PDB file of all heavy atoms in Angstrom:
ATOM      1  N   ALA A   1      11.919  -5.311   3.990  1.00  0.00           N
ATOM      2  CA  ALA A   1      12.740  -6.265   3.144  1.00  0.00           C
ATOM      3  C   ALA A   1      11.875  -7.255   2.460  1.00  0.00           C
ATOM      4  O   ALA A   1      12.130  -7.681   1.265  1.00  0.00           O
ATOM      5  CB  ALA A   1      13.708  -7.082   4.279  1.00  0.00           C
ATOM      6  N   HIS A   2      10.816  -7.630   3.132  1.00  0.00           N
ATOM      7  CA  HIS A   2       9.821  -8.635   2.517  1.00  0.00           C
ATOM      8  C   HIS A   2       9.216  -7.977   1.179  1.00  0.00           C
ATOM      9  O   HIS A   2       9.210  -8.615   0.239  1.00  0.00           O
ATOM     10  CB  HIS A   2       8.737  -9.022   3.539  1.00  0.00           C
ATOM     11  CG  HIS A   2       7.573  -9.648   2.912  1.00  0.00           C
ATOM     12  ND1 HIS A   2       7.561 -10.931   2.590  1.00  0.00           N
ATOM     13  CD2 HIS A   2       6.339  -9.264   2.540  1.00  0.00           C
ATOM     14  CE1 HIS A   2       6.430 -11.313   2.077  1.00  0.00           C
ATOM     15  NE2 HIS A   2       5.656 -10.277   2.061  1.00  0.00           N
ATOM     16  N   ARG A   3       8.670  -6.748   1.372  1.00  0.00           N
ATOM     17  CA  ARG A   3       8.089  -6.159   0.175  1.00  0.00           C
ATOM     18  C   ARG A   3       9.066  -5.859  -0.926  1.00  0.00           C
ATOM     19  O   ARG A   3       8.646  -6.032  -2.118  1.00  0.00           O
ATOM     20  CB  ARG A   3       7.429  -4.844   0.673  1.00  0.00           C
ATOM     21  CG  ARG A   3       6.249  -5.040   1.610  1.00  0.00           C
ATOM     22  CD  ARG A   3       5.776  -3.735   2.366  1.00  0.00           C
ATOM     23  NE  ARG A   3       5.240  -2.841   1.410  1.00  0.00           N
ATOM     24  CZ  ARG A   3       4.046  -2.784   1.113  1.00  0.00           C
ATOM     25  NH1 ARG A   3       3.171  -3.563   1.636  1.00  0.00           N
ATOM     26  NH2 ARG A   3       3.556  -1.859   0.261  1.00  0.00           N
ATOM     27  N   TRP A   4      10.262  -5.675  -0.660  1.00  0.00           N
ATOM     28  CA  TRP A   4      11.239  -5.258  -1.646  1.00  0.00           C
ATOM     29  C   TRP A   4      11.601  -6.620  -2.475  1.00  0.00           C
ATOM     30  O   TRP A   4      11.505  -6.538  -3.726  1.00  0.00           O
ATOM     31  CB  TRP A   4      12.582  -4.920  -1.022  1.00  0.00           C
ATOM     32  CG  TRP A   4      13.710  -4.737  -1.910  1.00  0.00           C
ATOM     33  CD1 TRP A   4      14.670  -5.567  -2.364  1.00  0.00           C
ATOM     34  CD2 TRP A   4      13.991  -3.485  -2.698  1.00  0.00           C
ATOM     35  NE1 TRP A   4      15.551  -5.084  -3.318  1.00  0.00           N
ATOM     36  CE2 TRP A   4      15.141  -3.752  -3.467  1.00  0.00           C
ATOM     37  CE3 TRP A   4      13.422  -2.111  -2.742  1.00  0.00           C
ATOM     38  CZ2 TRP A   4      15.686  -2.899  -4.362  1.00  0.00           C
ATOM     39  CZ3 TRP A   4      14.156  -1.183  -3.380  1.00  0.00           C
ATOM     40  CH2 TRP A   4      15.115  -1.598  -4.252  1.00  0.00           C
ATOM     41  N   LEU A   5      11.798  -7.700  -1.705  1.00  0.00           N
ATOM     42  CA  LEU A   5      12.122  -8.956  -2.363  1.00  0.00           C
ATOM     43  C   LEU A   5      10.888  -9.506  -3.146  1.00  0.00           C
ATOM     44  O   LEU A   5      10.955  -9.988  -4.177  1.00  0.00           O
ATOM     45  CB  LEU A   5      12.714  -9.945  -1.363  1.00  0.00           C
ATOM     46  CG  LEU A   5      14.123  -9.487  -0.741  1.00  0.00           C
ATOM     47  CD1 LEU A   5      14.397 -10.481   0.388  1.00  0.00           C
ATOM     48  CD2 LEU A   5      15.147  -9.558  -1.786  1.00  0.00           C
ATOM     49  N   ALA A   6       9.807  -9.505  -2.457  1.00  0.00           N
ATOM     50  CA  ALA A   6       8.606 -10.088  -3.098  1.00  0.00           C
ATOM     51  C   ALA A   6       8.133  -9.238  -4.319  1.00  0.00           C
ATOM     52  O   ALA A   6       7.494  -9.873  -5.151  1.00  0.00           O
ATOM     53  CB  ALA A   6       7.358  -9.883  -2.084  1.00  0.00           C
ATOM     54  N   SER A   7       8.662  -7.979  -4.403  1.00  0.00           N
ATOM     55  CA  SER A   7       8.378  -7.282  -5.687  1.00  0.00           C
ATOM     56  C   SER A   7       9.395  -7.400  -6.829  1.00  0.00           C
ATOM     57  O   SER A   7       9.294  -6.780  -7.815  1.00  0.00           O
ATOM     58  CB  SER A   7       8.228  -5.710  -5.268  1.00  0.00           C
ATOM     59  OG  SER A   7       7.270  -5.548  -4.338  1.00  0.00           O
ATOM     60  N   GLY A   8      10.420  -8.318  -6.430  1.00  0.00           N
ATOM     61  CA  GLY A   8      11.403  -8.591  -7.440  1.00  0.00           C
ATOM     62  C   GLY A   8      12.683  -7.790  -7.341  1.00  0.00           C
ATOM     63  O   GLY A   8      13.538  -7.750  -8.270  1.00  0.00           O
ATOM     64  N   GLY A   9      12.781  -7.058  -6.166  1.00  0.00           N
ATOM     65  CA  GLY A   9      13.937  -6.287  -5.970  1.00  0.00           C
ATOM     66  C   GLY A   9      15.234  -7.188  -5.829  1.00  0.00           C
ATOM     67  O   GLY A   9      15.175  -8.260  -5.347  1.00  0.00           O
ATOM     68  N   GLN A  10      16.419  -6.702  -6.191  1.00  0.00           N
ATOM     69  CA  GLN A  10      17.676  -7.326  -6.142  1.00  0.00           C
ATOM     70  C   GLN A  10      18.145  -7.463  -4.667  1.00  0.00           C
ATOM     71  O   GLN A  10      18.007  -6.515  -3.892  1.00  0.00           O
ATOM     72  CB  GLN A  10      18.757  -6.694  -6.970  1.00  0.00           C
ATOM     73  CG  GLN A  10      18.409  -6.839  -8.511  1.00  0.00           C
ATOM     74  CD  GLN A  10      18.311  -8.136  -9.037  1.00  0.00           C
ATOM     75  OE1 GLN A  10      19.180  -9.045  -8.801  1.00  0.00           O
ATOM     76  NE2 GLN A  10      17.142  -8.513  -9.676  1.00  0.00           N
ATOM     77  N   GLU A  11      18.743  -8.511  -4.297  1.00  0.00           N
ATOM     78  CA  GLU A  11      19.188  -8.690  -2.894  1.00  0.00           C
ATOM     79  C   GLU A  11      20.332  -7.783  -2.631  1.00  0.00           C
ATOM     80  O   GLU A  11      20.436  -7.233  -1.518  1.00  0.00           O
ATOM     81  CB  GLU A  11      19.533 -10.192  -2.703  1.00  0.00           C
ATOM     82  CG  GLU A  11      18.472 -11.180  -2.804  1.00  0.00           C
ATOM     83  CD  GLU A  11      18.875 -12.646  -2.504  1.00  0.00           C
ATOM     84  OE1 GLU A  11      20.084 -12.856  -2.573  1.00  0.00           O
ATOM     85  OE2 GLU A  11      17.959 -13.423  -2.143  1.00  0.00           O
ATOM     86  N   ARG A  12      21.264  -7.618  -3.714  1.00  0.00           N
ATOM     87  CA  ARG A  12      22.374  -6.715  -3.288  1.00  0.00           C
ATOM     88  C   ARG A  12      21.956  -5.290  -3.119  1.00  0.00           C
ATOM     89  O   ARG A  12      22.500  -4.541  -2.321  1.00  0.00           O
ATOM     90  CB  ARG A  12      23.432  -6.755  -4.492  1.00  0.00           C
ATOM     91  CG  ARG A  12      24.184  -8.158  -4.511  1.00  0.00           C
ATOM     92  CD  ARG A  12      24.974  -8.333  -3.285  1.00  0.00           C
ATOM     93  NE  ARG A  12      25.459  -9.643  -3.039  1.00  0.00           N
ATOM     94  CZ  ARG A  12      26.226 -10.026  -2.026  1.00  0.00           C
ATOM     95  NH1 ARG A  12      26.450  -9.185  -1.118  1.00  0.00           N
ATOM     96  NH2 ARG A  12      26.559 -11.348  -1.900  1.00  0.00           N
ATOM     97  N   ASP A  13      21.016  -4.799  -3.920  1.00  0.00           N
ATOM     98  CA  ASP A  13      20.428  -3.491  -3.737  1.00  0.00           C
ATOM     99  C   ASP A  13      19.751  -3.351  -2.289  1.00  0.00           C
ATOM    100  O   ASP A  13      20.015  -2.305  -1.632  1.00  0.00           O
ATOM    101  CB  ASP A  13      19.347  -3.148  -4.793  1.00  0.00           C
ATOM    102  CG  ASP A  13      19.896  -3.058  -6.167  1.00  0.00           C
ATOM    103  OD1 ASP A  13      21.251  -2.726  -6.321  1.00  0.00           O
ATOM    104  OD2 ASP A  13      19.254  -3.235  -7.163  1.00  0.00           O
ATOM    105  N   LEU A  14      19.117  -4.393  -1.840  1.00  0.00           N
ATOM    106  CA  LEU A  14      18.483  -4.351  -0.453  1.00  0.00           C
ATOM    107  C   LEU A  14      19.583  -4.180   0.533  1.00  0.00           C
ATOM    108  O   LEU A  14      19.394  -3.458   1.533  1.00  0.00           O
ATOM    109  CB  LEU A  14      17.607  -5.568  -0.253  1.00  0.00           C
ATOM    110  CG  LEU A  14      16.994  -5.722   1.051  1.00  0.00           C
ATOM    111  CD1 LEU A  14      16.106  -4.571   1.304  1.00  0.00           C
ATOM    112  CD2 LEU A  14      16.246  -7.022   1.160  1.00  0.00           C
ATOM    113  N   MET A  15      20.716  -4.982   0.319  1.00  0.00           N
ATOM    114  CA  MET A  15      21.724  -4.817   1.339  1.00  0.00           C
ATOM    115  C   MET A  15      22.257  -3.476   1.553  1.00  0.00           C
ATOM    116  O   MET A  15      22.536  -3.085   2.647  1.00  0.00           O
ATOM    117  CB  MET A  15      22.878  -5.806   0.977  1.00  0.00           C
ATOM    118  CG  MET A  15      22.495  -7.320   1.239  1.00  0.00           C
ATOM    119  SD  MET A  15      23.962  -8.414   0.864  1.00  0.00           S
ATOM    120  CE  MET A  15      25.148  -7.992   2.106  1.00  0.00           C
ATOM    121  N   ARG A  16      22.446  -2.749   0.405  1.00  0.00           N
ATOM    122  CA  ARG A  16      22.893  -1.515   0.360  1.00  0.00           C
ATOM    123  C   ARG A  16      21.938  -0.497   1.003  1.00  0.00           C
ATOM    124  O   ARG A  16      22.354   0.411   1.807  1.00  0.00           O
ATOM    125  CB  ARG A  16      23.326  -1.039  -0.983  1.00  0.00           C
ATOM    126  CG  ARG A  16      24.431  -1.627  -1.672  1.00  0.00           C
ATOM    127  CD  ARG A  16      24.877  -1.079  -2.926  1.00  0.00           C
ATOM    128  NE  ARG A  16      25.294   0.284  -2.765  1.00  0.00           N
ATOM    129  CZ  ARG A  16      26.743   0.566  -2.410  1.00  0.00           C
ATOM    130  NH1 ARG A  16      27.607  -0.440  -2.306  1.00  0.00           N
ATOM    131  NH2 ARG A  16      27.011   1.734  -2.386  1.00  0.00           N
ATOM    132  N   LEU A  17      20.640  -0.613   0.692  1.00  0.00           N
ATOM    133  CA  LEU A  17      19.704   0.233   1.286  1.00  0.00           C
ATOM    134  C   LEU A  17      19.457   0.056   2.750  1.00  0.00           C
ATOM    135  O   LEU A  17      19.243   1.024   3.410  1.00  0.00           O
ATOM    136  CB  LEU A  17      18.380  -0.007   0.493  1.00  0.00           C
ATOM    137  CG  LEU A  17      18.261   0.377  -0.946  1.00  0.00           C
ATOM    138  CD1 LEU A  17      16.949  -0.083  -1.489  1.00  0.00           C
ATOM    139  CD2 LEU A  17      18.330   1.923  -1.056  1.00  0.00           C
ATOM    140  N   ALA A  18      19.541  -1.213   3.208  1.00  0.00           N
ATOM    141  CA  ALA A  18      19.326  -1.496   4.600  1.00  0.00           C
ATOM    142  C   ALA A  18      20.647  -1.344   5.381  1.00  0.00           C
ATOM    143  O   ALA A  18      20.580  -1.310   6.643  1.00  0.00           O
ATOM    144  CB  ALA A  18      18.888  -3.005   4.719  1.00  0.00           C
ATOM    145  N   GLY A  19      21.694  -1.167   4.803  1.00  0.00           N
ATOM    146  CA  GLY A  19      22.938  -0.983   5.644  1.00  0.00           C
ATOM    147  C   GLY A  19      23.715  -2.239   6.101  1.00  0.00           C
ATOM    148  O   GLY A  19      24.215  -2.273   7.074  1.00  0.00           O
ATOM    149  N   TRP A  20      23.427  -3.375   5.368  1.00  0.00           N
ATOM    150  CA  TRP A  20      23.923  -4.618   5.771  1.00  0.00           C
ATOM    151  C   TRP A  20      25.257  -4.951   5.057  1.00  0.00           C
ATOM    152  O   TRP A  20      25.328  -4.722   3.806  1.00  0.00           O
ATOM    153  CB  TRP A  20      22.923  -5.765   5.463  1.00  0.00           C
ATOM    154  CG  TRP A  20      21.692  -5.682   6.246  1.00  0.00           C
ATOM    155  CD1 TRP A  20      21.462  -5.140   7.579  1.00  0.00           C
ATOM    156  CD2 TRP A  20      20.439  -5.996   5.731  1.00  0.00           C
ATOM    157  NE1 TRP A  20      20.170  -5.393   7.811  1.00  0.00           N
ATOM    158  CE2 TRP A  20      19.450  -5.759   6.806  1.00  0.00           C
ATOM    159  CE3 TRP A  20      19.909  -6.663   4.579  1.00  0.00           C
ATOM    160  CZ2 TRP A  20      18.086  -6.031   6.735  1.00  0.00           C
ATOM    161  CZ3 TRP A  20      18.614  -6.912   4.402  1.00  0.00           C
ATOM    162  CH2 TRP A  20      17.698  -6.574   5.449  1.00  0.00           C
ATOM    163  N   ARG A  21      26.182  -5.440   5.790  1.00  0.00           N
ATOM    164  CA  ARG A  21      27.415  -5.909   5.177  1.00  0.00           C
ATOM    165  C   ARG A  21      27.545  -7.456   5.000  1.00  0.00           C
ATOM    166  O   ARG A  21      28.431  -7.910   4.372  1.00  0.00           O
ATOM    167  CB  ARG A  21      28.663  -5.348   5.991  1.00  0.00           C
ATOM    168  CG  ARG A  21      28.916  -3.754   5.913  1.00  0.00           C
ATOM    169  CD  ARG A  21      30.208  -3.427   6.277  1.00  0.00           C
ATOM    170  NE  ARG A  21      30.427  -1.994   5.860  1.00  0.00           N
ATOM    171  CZ  ARG A  21      31.581  -1.401   6.125  1.00  0.00           C
ATOM    172  NH1 ARG A  21      32.630  -1.996   6.569  1.00  0.00           N
ATOM    173  NH2 ARG A  21      31.772  -0.091   5.762  1.00  0.00           N
ATOM    174  N   SER A  22      26.692  -8.115   5.744  1.00  0.00           N
ATOM    175  CA  SER A  22      26.667  -9.481   5.817  1.00  0.00           C
ATOM    176  C   SER A  22      25.444 -10.127   5.152  1.00  0.00           C
ATOM    177  O   SER A  22      24.355  -9.599   5.367  1.00  0.00           O
ATOM    178  CB  SER A  22      26.755 -10.059   7.242  1.00  0.00           C
ATOM    179  OG  SER A  22      26.562 -11.306   7.332  1.00  0.00           O
ATOM    180  N   SER A  23      25.549 -11.210   4.400  1.00  0.00           N
ATOM    181  CA  SER A  23      24.389 -11.761   3.737  1.00  0.00           C
ATOM    182  C   SER A  23      23.540 -12.510   4.752  1.00  0.00           C
ATOM    183  O   SER A  23      22.417 -12.929   4.573  1.00  0.00           O
ATOM    184  CB  SER A  23      24.890 -12.792   2.682  1.00  0.00           C
ATOM    185  OG  SER A  23      25.803 -13.703   3.123  1.00  0.00           O
ATOM    186  N   GLU A  24      24.247 -12.861   5.945  1.00  0.00           N
ATOM    187  CA  GLU A  24      23.462 -13.487   7.050  1.00  0.00           C
ATOM    188  C   GLU A  24      22.221 -12.564   7.392  1.00  0.00           C
ATOM    189  O   GLU A  24      21.122 -13.197   7.608  1.00  0.00           O
ATOM    190  CB  GLU A  24      24.440 -13.659   8.258  1.00  0.00           C
ATOM    191  CG  GLU A  24      23.623 -14.287   9.486  1.00  0.00           C
ATOM    192  CD  GLU A  24      24.461 -14.251  10.723  1.00  0.00           C
ATOM    193  OE1 GLU A  24      25.673 -13.984  10.553  1.00  0.00           O
ATOM    194  OE2 GLU A  24      23.926 -14.646  11.730  1.00  0.00           O
ATOM    195  N   MET A  25      22.366 -11.277   7.398  1.00  0.00           N
ATOM    196  CA  MET A  25      21.247 -10.423   7.751  1.00  0.00           C
ATOM    197  C   MET A  25      20.179 -10.501   6.623  1.00  0.00           C
ATOM    198  O   MET A  25      19.019 -10.499   6.937  1.00  0.00           O
ATOM    199  CB  MET A  25      21.698  -9.072   7.991  1.00  0.00           C
ATOM    200  CG  MET A  25      22.711  -8.876   9.141  1.00  0.00           C
ATOM    201  SD  MET A  25      21.959  -9.410  10.695  1.00  0.00           S
ATOM    202  CE  MET A  25      20.609  -8.204  10.925  1.00  0.00           C
ATOM    203  N   LEU A  26      20.704 -10.617   5.375  1.00  0.00           N
ATOM    204  CA  LEU A  26      19.672 -10.669   4.265  1.00  0.00           C
ATOM    205  C   LEU A  26      18.865 -11.917   4.299  1.00  0.00           C
ATOM    206  O   LEU A  26      17.640 -11.854   4.224  1.00  0.00           O
ATOM    207  CB  LEU A  26      20.570 -10.650   2.953  1.00  0.00           C
ATOM    208  CG  LEU A  26      19.734 -10.785   1.631  1.00  0.00           C
ATOM    209  CD1 LEU A  26      18.830  -9.587   1.455  1.00  0.00           C
ATOM    210  CD2 LEU A  26      20.667 -10.973   0.456  1.00  0.00           C
ATOM    211  N   GLU A  27      19.549 -13.021   4.682  1.00  0.00           N
ATOM    212  CA  GLU A  27      18.771 -14.294   4.803  1.00  0.00           C
ATOM    213  C   GLU A  27      17.694 -14.261   6.023  1.00  0.00           C
ATOM    214  O   GLU A  27      16.626 -14.711   5.981  1.00  0.00           O
ATOM    215  CB  GLU A  27      19.723 -15.437   5.185  1.00  0.00           C
ATOM    216  CG  GLU A  27      20.642 -15.754   3.915  1.00  0.00           C
ATOM    217  CD  GLU A  27      21.701 -16.900   4.412  1.00  0.00           C
ATOM    218  OE1 GLU A  27      21.692 -17.335   5.445  1.00  0.00           O
ATOM    219  OE2 GLU A  27      22.559 -17.077   3.421  1.00  0.00           O
ATOM    220  N   ARG A  28      18.228 -13.521   7.174  1.00  0.00           N
ATOM    221  CA  ARG A  28      17.266 -13.486   8.280  1.00  0.00           C
ATOM    222  C   ARG A  28      16.035 -12.559   8.000  1.00  0.00           C
ATOM    223  O   ARG A  28      14.931 -12.967   8.132  1.00  0.00           O
ATOM    224  CB  ARG A  28      18.039 -12.826   9.552  1.00  0.00           C
ATOM    225  CG  ARG A  28      17.053 -12.882  10.714  1.00  0.00           C
ATOM    226  CD  ARG A  28      17.928 -12.158  11.937  1.00  0.00           C
ATOM    227  NE  ARG A  28      19.149 -12.727  12.065  1.00  0.00           N
ATOM    228  CZ  ARG A  28      20.057 -12.180  12.991  1.00  0.00           C
ATOM    229  NH1 ARG A  28      19.807 -11.049  13.598  1.00  0.00           N
ATOM    230  NH2 ARG A  28      21.321 -12.764  13.164  1.00  0.00           N
ATOM    231  N   TYR A  29      16.263 -11.427   7.335  1.00  0.00           N
ATOM    232  CA  TYR A  29      15.083 -10.451   7.034  1.00  0.00           C
ATOM    233  C   TYR A  29      14.360 -10.947   5.848  1.00  0.00           C
ATOM    234  O   TYR A  29      13.315 -10.490   5.599  1.00  0.00           O
ATOM    235  CB  TYR A  29      15.777  -9.053   6.871  1.00  0.00           C
ATOM    236  CG  TYR A  29      15.959  -8.358   8.063  1.00  0.00           C
ATOM    237  CD1 TYR A  29      17.237  -8.586   8.863  1.00  0.00           C
ATOM    238  CD2 TYR A  29      15.149  -7.353   8.693  1.00  0.00           C
ATOM    239  CE1 TYR A  29      17.392  -7.903   9.988  1.00  0.00           C
ATOM    240  CE2 TYR A  29      15.341  -6.764   9.786  1.00  0.00           C
ATOM    241  CZ  TYR A  29      16.509  -7.013  10.545  1.00  0.00           C
ATOM    242  OH  TYR A  29      16.828  -6.427  11.706  1.00  0.00           O
ATOM    243  N   GLY A  30      15.027 -11.722   5.002  1.00  0.00           N
ATOM    244  CA  GLY A  30      14.285 -12.134   3.658  1.00  0.00           C
ATOM    245  C   GLY A  30      13.587 -13.410   3.787  1.00  0.00           C
ATOM    246  O   GLY A  30      13.029 -13.918   2.894  1.00  0.00           O
ATOM    247  N   ALA A  31      13.480 -13.973   5.101  1.00  0.00           N
ATOM    248  CA  ALA A  31      12.967 -15.338   5.330  1.00  0.00           C
ATOM    249  C   ALA A  31      11.523 -15.382   4.844  1.00  0.00           C
ATOM    250  O   ALA A  31      10.949 -16.312   4.255  1.00  0.00           O
ATOM    251  CB  ALA A  31      13.088 -15.862   6.761  1.00  0.00           C
ATOM    252  N   SER A  32      10.795 -14.360   5.320  1.00  0.00           N
ATOM    253  CA  SER A  32       9.380 -14.318   5.008  1.00  0.00           C
ATOM    254  C   SER A  32       8.996 -14.146   3.494  1.00  0.00           C
ATOM    255  O   SER A  32       8.169 -14.975   2.904  1.00  0.00           O
ATOM    256  CB  SER A  32       8.654 -13.056   5.657  1.00  0.00           C
ATOM    257  OG  SER A  32       8.779 -13.256   7.021  1.00  0.00           O
ATOM    258  N   ALA A  33       9.771 -13.397   2.761  1.00  0.00           N
ATOM    259  CA  ALA A  33       9.691 -13.251   1.351  1.00  0.00           C
ATOM    260  C   ALA A  33      10.083 -14.482   0.611  1.00  0.00           C
ATOM    261  O   ALA A  33       9.380 -14.992  -0.306  1.00  0.00           O
ATOM    262  CB  ALA A  33      10.503 -12.049   0.872  1.00  0.00           C
ATOM    263  N   ALA A  34      11.069 -15.190   1.130  1.00  0.00           N
ATOM    264  CA  ALA A  34      11.565 -16.388   0.568  1.00  0.00           C
ATOM    265  C   ALA A  34      10.557 -17.548   0.673  1.00  0.00           C
ATOM    266  O   ALA A  34      10.247 -18.282  -0.295  1.00  0.00           O
ATOM    267  CB  ALA A  34      12.803 -16.956   1.216  1.00  0.00           C
ATOM    268  N   ASP A  35       9.769 -17.571   1.810  1.00  0.00           N
ATOM    269  CA  ASP A  35       8.768 -18.490   1.961  1.00  0.00           C
ATOM    270  C   ASP A  35       7.633 -18.337   0.947  1.00  0.00           C
ATOM    271  O   ASP A  35       7.024 -19.120   0.365  1.00  0.00           O
ATOM    272  CB  ASP A  35       8.232 -18.538   3.457  1.00  0.00           C
ATOM    273  CG  ASP A  35       9.197 -19.079   4.456  1.00  0.00           C
ATOM    274  OD1 ASP A  35      10.079 -19.706   4.054  1.00  0.00           O
ATOM    275  OD2 ASP A  35       9.002 -18.804   5.712  1.00  0.00           O
ATOM    276  N   GLN A  36       7.247 -17.033   0.840  1.00  0.00           N
ATOM    277  CA  GLN A  36       6.109 -16.629  -0.126  1.00  0.00           C
ATOM    278  C   GLN A  36       6.521 -16.927  -1.444  1.00  0.00           C
ATOM    279  O   GLN A  36       5.717 -17.535  -2.164  1.00  0.00           O
ATOM    280  CB  GLN A  36       5.836 -15.110   0.025  1.00  0.00           C
ATOM    281  CG  GLN A  36       4.752 -14.690  -0.902  1.00  0.00           C
ATOM    282  CD  GLN A  36       4.404 -13.251  -0.679  1.00  0.00           C
ATOM    283  OE1 GLN A  36       4.109 -12.931   0.462  1.00  0.00           O
ATOM    284  NE2 GLN A  36       4.355 -12.417  -1.694  1.00  0.00           N
TER     285      GLN A  36
END
């Protein structure tokens, strides 16, 4: 998730690839990339 977002990948695409239905999971897994 970190590498995807840090490389400019779209959040909605990441949700589909990771199998998440909740944006809460996106926030949790994307925290490291958000800090960077």
